[in-house]
Amino acid sequence: MTSETIVAGHGGQGVLELANWLAYFHLLRGRHVAYTPSYGPETRGGKVKCYVVASEDPIDSPIVEAPDLLIAMNLPSMDYVPLLRPGGTLLVNSSLVRDGPGRTDVTVERVPAVELASGLGRYVPEGGRDPSIAANSVMLGAALGLAREGPARTRATVEEVFRHYLTDRKAAYLPLNLNAVDAGFAFVVRSLLPA
């Protein structure tokens, strides 16, 4: 089975990191992976998108034309909604996006990523940055929650992903990012439970 994802936002939101983590997560699960970033020349604030293709079989093309999942970190990311395949999922950072997709043939999951990350201040290392920087980790957890994989196995793989990427001084942010993933995962799983 092949899954195609577009992760979109603006520079400074950790969009490329999020897509990297998602790609490496799939790689650790034994899947073939293609990761293709696209961004403007701006250091911060410019439009950023990334394609992540994961498959049990070899991948023919790294370009995503009809994604199963769109992770929209900001309002301009909603420009990619028309690309979503019918029946696909729009995972929205509802902290920054209030608009709907304008489509009825896709599933919309709204996650207040900035608020969830901001509530994790106790995991920020002393003298560290605002915990809202982990909003991308919240969205990673939400995306994994949508996949409905078991939380224990998922968390072990996510920890391996973060240990690979969060090295040197960034290692101090491992607890913040792991707890942000847990928060996003739990938020989505709760929303999927029958009422």
C-alpha atoms as a PDB file:
ATOM      1  CA  MET A   1       0.000   0.000   0.000  1.00  0.00           C
ATOM      2  CA  THR A   2       1.227   3.508  -0.863  1.00  0.00           C
ATOM      3  CA  SER A   3       0.513   6.627   1.177  1.00  0.00           C
ATOM      4  CA  GLU A   4       1.076  10.093  -0.235  1.00  0.00           C
ATOM      5  CA  THR A   5       1.294  13.157   1.991  1.00  0.00           C
ATOM      6  CA  ILE A   6       1.809  16.869   1.460  1.00  0.00           C
ATOM      7  CA  VAL A   7       3.018  18.824   4.483  1.00  0.00           C
ATOM      8  CA  ALA A   8       2.652  22.578   3.982  1.00  0.00           C
ATOM      9  CA  GLY A   9       3.155  25.767   5.957  1.00  0.00           C
ATOM     10  CA  HIS A  10       5.595  28.644   6.136  1.00  0.00           C
ATOM     11  CA  GLY A  11       9.280  28.856   6.933  1.00  0.00           C
ATOM     12  CA  GLY A  12       9.946  28.694  10.663  1.00  0.00           C
ATOM     13  CA  GLN A  13       7.077  26.288  11.461  1.00  0.00           C
ATOM     14  CA  GLY A  14       9.229  23.184  11.193  1.00  0.00           C
ATOM     15  CA  VAL A  15       7.448  21.904   8.084  1.00  0.00           C
ATOM     16  CA  LEU A  16      10.579  20.327   6.608  1.00  0.00           C
ATOM     17  CA  GLU A  17      11.410  18.774   9.984  1.00  0.00           C
ATOM     18  CA  LEU A  18       7.900  17.348  10.273  1.00  0.00           C
ATOM     19  CA  ALA A  19       8.102  15.832   6.789  1.00  0.00           C
ATOM     20  CA  ASN A  20      11.587  14.461   7.525  1.00  0.00           C
ATOM     21  CA  TRP A  21      10.344  12.848  10.734  1.00  0.00           C
ATOM     22  CA  LEU A  22       7.363  11.337   8.941  1.00  0.00           C
ATOM     23  CA  ALA A  23       9.592   9.968   6.167  1.00  0.00           C
ATOM     24  CA  TYR A  24      12.084   8.496   8.639  1.00  0.00           C
ATOM     25  CA  PHE A  25       9.217   6.985  10.666  1.00  0.00           C
ATOM     26  CA  HIS A  26       8.086   5.106   7.544  1.00  0.00           C
ATOM     27  CA  LEU A  27      11.661   4.110   6.761  1.00  0.00           C
ATOM     28  CA  LEU A  28      12.060   2.606  10.236  1.00  0.00           C
ATOM     29  CA  ARG A  29       8.863   0.637   9.596  1.00  0.00           C
ATOM     30  CA  GLY A  30      10.552  -0.983   6.578  1.00  0.00           C
ATOM     31  CA  ARG A  31       8.793   0.996   3.866  1.00  0.00           C
ATOM     32  CA  HIS A  32      10.269   2.590   0.755  1.00  0.00           C
ATOM     33  CA  VAL A  33      10.220   6.371   1.169  1.00  0.00           C
ATOM     34  CA  ALA A  34      10.581   9.444  -1.029  1.00  0.00           C
ATOM     35  CA  TYR A  35      10.951  12.897   0.556  1.00  0.00           C
ATOM     36  CA  THR A  36      10.856  15.970  -1.689  1.00  0.00           C
ATOM     37  CA  PRO A  37      10.990  19.471  -0.154  1.00  0.00           C
ATOM     38  CA  SER A  38       9.995  22.655  -1.977  1.00  0.00           C
ATOM     39  CA  TYR A  39      10.482  26.144  -0.595  1.00  0.00           C
ATOM     40  CA  GLY A  40      11.204  29.722  -1.585  1.00  0.00           C
ATOM     41  CA  PRO A  41      14.404  31.680  -0.966  1.00  0.00           C
ATOM     42  CA  GLU A  42      13.116  33.289   2.260  1.00  0.00           C
ATOM     43  CA  THR A  43      14.685  32.160   5.524  1.00  0.00           C
ATOM     44  CA  ARG A  44      11.431  32.527   7.452  1.00  0.00           C
ATOM     45  CA  GLY A  45       7.874  33.197   6.433  1.00  0.00           C
ATOM     46  CA  GLY A  46       8.037  31.887   2.857  1.00  0.00           C
ATOM     47  CA  LYS A  47       5.728  29.163   1.587  1.00  0.00           C
ATOM     48  CA  VAL A  48       7.052  25.652   2.235  1.00  0.00           C
ATOM     49  CA  LYS A  49       5.708  22.288   1.145  1.00  0.00           C
ATOM     50  CA  CYS A  50       7.074  18.805   1.223  1.00  0.00           C
ATOM     51  CA  TYR A  51       6.014  15.565  -0.419  1.00  0.00           C
ATOM     52  CA  VAL A  52       6.325  12.296   1.484  1.00  0.00           C
ATOM     53  CA  VAL A  53       5.568   9.062  -0.328  1.00  0.00           C
ATOM     54  CA  ALA A  54       5.746   5.772   1.592  1.00  0.00           C
ATOM     55  CA  SER A  55       5.103   2.353   0.117  1.00  0.00           C
ATOM     56  CA  GLU A  56       5.626  -1.343   0.643  1.00  0.00           C
ATOM     57  CA  ASP A  57       6.731  -1.429  -3.009  1.00  0.00           C
ATOM     58  CA  PRO A  58       9.395   0.562  -4.868  1.00  0.00           C
ATOM     59  CA  ILE A  59       8.264   4.128  -5.565  1.00  0.00           C
ATOM     60  CA  ASP A  60       7.844   5.252  -9.180  1.00  0.00           C
ATOM     61  CA  SER A  61       7.652   8.995  -8.569  1.00  0.00           C
ATOM     62  CA  PRO A  62       8.476  11.215  -5.570  1.00  0.00           C
ATOM     63  CA  ILE A  63       5.962  13.850  -6.665  1.00  0.00           C
ATOM     64  CA  VAL A  64       2.542  13.813  -5.014  1.00  0.00           C
ATOM     65  CA  GLU A  65      -0.312  14.811  -7.287  1.00  0.00           C
ATOM     66  CA  ALA A  66      -3.325  13.456  -5.346  1.00  0.00           C
ATOM     67  CA  PRO A  67      -2.337  13.055  -1.686  1.00  0.00           C
ATOM     68  CA  ASP A  68      -4.157  10.869   0.805  1.00  0.00           C
ATOM     69  CA  LEU A  69      -3.214  13.354   3.533  1.00  0.00           C
ATOM     70  CA  LEU A  70      -2.603  17.098   3.551  1.00  0.00           C
ATOM     71  CA  ILE A  71      -1.125  18.562   6.721  1.00  0.00           C
ATOM     72  CA  ALA A  72      -1.929  22.282   6.606  1.00  0.00           C
ATOM     73  CA  MET A  73       0.085  24.240   9.153  1.00  0.00           C
ATOM     74  CA  ASN A  74      -1.193  27.696   8.090  1.00  0.00           C
ATOM     75  CA  LEU A  75      -3.873  29.383   5.972  1.00  0.00           C
ATOM     76  CA  PRO A  76      -1.871  29.598   2.692  1.00  0.00           C
ATOM     77  CA  SER A  77      -1.448  25.794   2.928  1.00  0.00           C
ATOM     78  CA  MET A  78      -5.141  25.496   2.141  1.00  0.00           C
ATOM     79  CA  ASP A  79      -4.174  26.274  -1.473  1.00  0.00           C
ATOM     80  CA  TYR A  80      -3.289  22.565  -1.758  1.00  0.00           C
ATOM     81  CA  VAL A  81      -6.758  21.315  -0.737  1.00  0.00           C
ATOM     82  CA  PRO A  82      -7.872  20.900  -4.396  1.00  0.00           C
ATOM     83  CA  LEU A  83      -5.077  18.320  -4.815  1.00  0.00           C
ATOM     84  CA  LEU A  84      -6.451  16.031  -2.079  1.00  0.00           C
ATOM     85  CA  ARG A  85      -7.928  12.878  -3.543  1.00  0.00           C
ATOM     86  CA  PRO A  86     -11.636  12.309  -2.870  1.00  0.00           C
ATOM     87  CA  GLY A  87     -11.854  10.506   0.457  1.00  0.00           C
ATOM     88  CA  GLY A  88      -8.511  11.971   1.556  1.00  0.00           C
ATOM     89  CA  THR A  89      -7.857  13.658   4.893  1.00  0.00           C
ATOM     90  CA  LEU A  90      -7.094  17.284   5.626  1.00  0.00           C
ATOM     91  CA  LEU A  91      -5.237  17.631   8.933  1.00  0.00           C
ATOM     92  CA  VAL A  92      -5.478  21.296   9.886  1.00  0.00           C
ATOM     93  CA  ASN A  93      -3.575  23.307  12.475  1.00  0.00           C
ATOM     94  CA  SER A  94      -6.755  24.946  13.763  1.00  0.00           C
ATOM     95  CA  SER A  95      -4.677  27.358  15.845  1.00  0.00           C
ATOM     96  CA  LEU A  96      -3.931  29.230  12.612  1.00  0.00           C
ATOM     97  CA  VAL A  97      -6.579  28.023  10.141  1.00  0.00           C
ATOM     98  CA  ARG A  98     -10.261  28.710  10.679  1.00  0.00           C
ATOM     99  CA  ASP A  99     -11.429  28.210   7.082  1.00  0.00           C
ATOM    100  CA  GLY A 100     -13.038  25.023   5.859  1.00  0.00           C
ATOM    101  CA  PRO A 101     -11.802  23.117   2.837  1.00  0.00           C
ATOM    102  CA  GLY A 102     -14.707  24.037   0.568  1.00  0.00           C
ATOM    103  CA  ARG A 103     -15.116  20.339  -0.218  1.00  0.00           C
ATOM    104  CA  THR A 104     -17.467  17.703   1.139  1.00  0.00           C
ATOM    105  CA  ASP A 105     -15.600  14.685  -0.223  1.00  0.00           C
ATOM    106  CA  VAL A 106     -12.674  14.856   2.233  1.00  0.00           C
ATOM    107  CA  THR A 107     -12.358  14.241   5.966  1.00  0.00           C
ATOM    108  CA  VAL A 108     -11.252  17.227   8.039  1.00  0.00           C
ATOM    109  CA  GLU A 109      -9.418  16.812  11.352  1.00  0.00           C
ATOM    110  CA  ARG A 110      -8.799  20.059  13.225  1.00  0.00           C
ATOM    111  CA  VAL A 111      -5.974  20.033  15.760  1.00  0.00           C
ATOM    112  CA  PRO A 112      -5.106  23.119  17.853  1.00  0.00           C
ATOM    113  CA  ALA A 113      -1.402  22.373  17.499  1.00  0.00           C
ATOM    114  CA  VAL A 114      -0.058  25.654  18.873  1.00  0.00           C
ATOM    115  CA  GLU A 115      -2.281  25.511  21.974  1.00  0.00           C
ATOM    116  CA  LEU A 116      -1.469  21.861  22.641  1.00  0.00           C
ATOM    117  CA  ALA A 117       2.267  22.524  22.308  1.00  0.00           C
ATOM    118  CA  SER A 118       2.052  25.694  24.423  1.00  0.00           C
ATOM    119  CA  GLY A 119       0.613  23.638  27.284  1.00  0.00           C
ATOM    120  CA  LEU A 120       3.813  21.579  27.487  1.00  0.00           C
ATOM    121  CA  GLY A 121       6.023  24.252  29.039  1.00  0.00           C
ATOM    122  CA  ARG A 122       7.135  21.935  31.850  1.00  0.00           C
ATOM    123  CA  TYR A 123       9.093  19.896  29.274  1.00  0.00           C
ATOM    124  CA  VAL A 124      11.107  22.841  27.937  1.00  0.00           C
ATOM    125  CA  PRO A 125      14.726  22.759  29.120  1.00  0.00           C
ATOM    126  CA  GLU A 126      15.738  25.592  31.440  1.00  0.00           C
ATOM    127  CA  GLY A 127      16.388  28.726  29.417  1.00  0.00           C
ATOM    128  CA  GLY A 128      14.801  27.064  26.393  1.00  0.00           C
ATOM    129  CA  ARG A 129      12.434  28.387  23.768  1.00  0.00           C
ATOM    130  CA  ASP A 130       8.651  28.791  23.797  1.00  0.00           C
ATOM    131  CA  PRO A 131       7.043  25.318  23.819  1.00  0.00           C
ATOM    132  CA  SER A 132       4.839  26.273  20.847  1.00  0.00           C
ATOM    133  CA  ILE A 133       7.850  25.419  18.663  1.00  0.00           C
ATOM    134  CA  ALA A 134       6.697  21.808  19.083  1.00  0.00           C
ATOM    135  CA  ALA A 135       3.458  22.402  17.141  1.00  0.00           C
ATOM    136  CA  ASN A 136       4.994  20.394  14.297  1.00  0.00           C
ATOM    137  CA  SER A 137       5.478  17.462  16.691  1.00  0.00           C
ATOM    138  CA  VAL A 138       1.830  17.745  17.726  1.00  0.00           C
ATOM    139  CA  MET A 139       0.879  17.433  14.053  1.00  0.00           C
ATOM    140  CA  LEU A 140       3.182  14.427  13.653  1.00  0.00           C
ATOM    141  CA  GLY A 141       1.350  12.742  16.526  1.00  0.00           C
ATOM    142  CA  ALA A 142      -1.993  13.662  14.990  1.00  0.00           C
ATOM    143  CA  ALA A 143      -0.984  12.186  11.614  1.00  0.00           C
ATOM    144  CA  LEU A 144       0.132   8.970  13.313  1.00  0.00           C
ATOM    145  CA  GLY A 145      -3.113   8.864  15.298  1.00  0.00           C
ATOM    146  CA  LEU A 146      -5.049   9.012  12.050  1.00  0.00           C
ATOM    147  CA  ALA A 147      -3.147   5.917  10.893  1.00  0.00           C
ATOM    148  CA  ARG A 148      -4.603   4.103  13.946  1.00  0.00           C
ATOM    149  CA  GLU A 149      -1.399   2.283  14.761  1.00  0.00           C
ATOM    150  CA  GLY A 150      -0.880   1.105  18.336  1.00  0.00           C
ATOM    151  CA  PRO A 151       0.420   3.919  20.587  1.00  0.00           C
ATOM    152  CA  ALA A 152       3.166   1.871  22.288  1.00  0.00           C
ATOM    153  CA  ARG A 153       4.761   0.731  19.039  1.00  0.00           C
ATOM    154  CA  THR A 154       4.255   4.144  17.456  1.00  0.00           C
ATOM    155  CA  ARG A 155       5.892   5.943  20.387  1.00  0.00           C
ATOM    156  CA  ALA A 156       8.924   3.641  20.344  1.00  0.00           C
ATOM    157  CA  THR A 157       9.474   4.395  16.658  1.00  0.00           C
ATOM    158  CA  VAL A 158       8.913   8.134  17.173  1.00  0.00           C
ATOM    159  CA  GLU A 159      11.488   8.108  19.968  1.00  0.00           C
ATOM    160  CA  GLU A 160      13.957   6.485  17.577  1.00  0.00           C
ATOM    161  CA  VAL A 161      13.157   9.162  14.967  1.00  0.00           C
ATOM    162  CA  PHE A 162      13.787  11.974  17.449  1.00  0.00           C
ATOM    163  CA  ARG A 163      16.979  10.407  18.777  1.00  0.00           C
ATOM    164  CA  HIS A 164      18.228  10.385  15.193  1.00  0.00           C
ATOM    165  CA  TYR A 165      17.363  14.046  14.508  1.00  0.00           C
ATOM    166  CA  LEU A 166      17.543  15.744  17.920  1.00  0.00           C
ATOM    167  CA  THR A 167      21.229  15.528  18.662  1.00  0.00           C
ATOM    168  CA  ASP A 168      23.734  17.718  20.516  1.00  0.00           C
ATOM    169  CA  ARG A 169      21.974  20.774  22.007  1.00  0.00           C
ATOM    170  CA  LYS A 170      18.630  19.770  20.469  1.00  0.00           C
ATOM    171  CA  ALA A 171      18.632  16.555  22.541  1.00  0.00           C
ATOM    172  CA  ALA A 172      17.363  18.593  25.497  1.00  0.00           C
ATOM    173  CA  TYR A 173      14.117  19.052  23.541  1.00  0.00           C
ATOM    174  CA  LEU A 174      13.452  15.312  23.285  1.00  0.00           C
ATOM    175  CA  PRO A 175      10.922  15.271  26.200  1.00  0.00           C
ATOM    176  CA  LEU A 176       9.045  18.286  24.781  1.00  0.00           C
ATOM    177  CA  ASN A 177       8.767  16.749  21.318  1.00  0.00           C
ATOM    178  CA  LEU A 178       7.782  13.283  22.567  1.00  0.00           C
ATOM    179  CA  ASN A 179       5.068  14.751  24.769  1.00  0.00           C
ATOM    180  CA  ALA A 180       3.890  16.940  21.887  1.00  0.00           C
ATOM    181  CA  VAL A 181       3.539  13.834  19.696  1.00  0.00           C
ATOM    182  CA  ASP A 182       1.593  12.138  22.506  1.00  0.00           C
ATOM    183  CA  ALA A 183      -0.700  15.186  22.775  1.00  0.00           C
ATOM    184  CA  GLY A 184      -1.434  15.233  19.030  1.00  0.00           C
ATOM    185  CA  PHE A 185      -1.932  11.464  18.916  1.00  0.00           C
ATOM    186  CA  ALA A 186      -4.330  11.514  21.894  1.00  0.00           C
ATOM    187  CA  PHE A 187      -6.266  14.504  20.526  1.00  0.00           C
ATOM    188  CA  VAL A 188      -6.980  12.782  17.211  1.00  0.00           C
ATOM    189  CA  VAL A 189      -7.678   9.371  18.712  1.00  0.00           C
ATOM    190  CA  ARG A 190     -10.261  10.948  21.071  1.00  0.00           C
ATOM    191  CA  SER A 191     -11.930  12.675  18.115  1.00  0.00           C
ATOM    192  CA  LEU A 192     -12.183   9.359  16.234  1.00  0.00           C
ATOM    193  CA  LEU A 193     -13.957   7.552  19.088  1.00  0.00           C
ATOM    194  CA  PRO A 194     -17.675   7.007  18.556  1.00  0.00           C
ATOM    195  CA  ALA A 195     -19.840   9.515  20.440  1.00  0.00           C
END
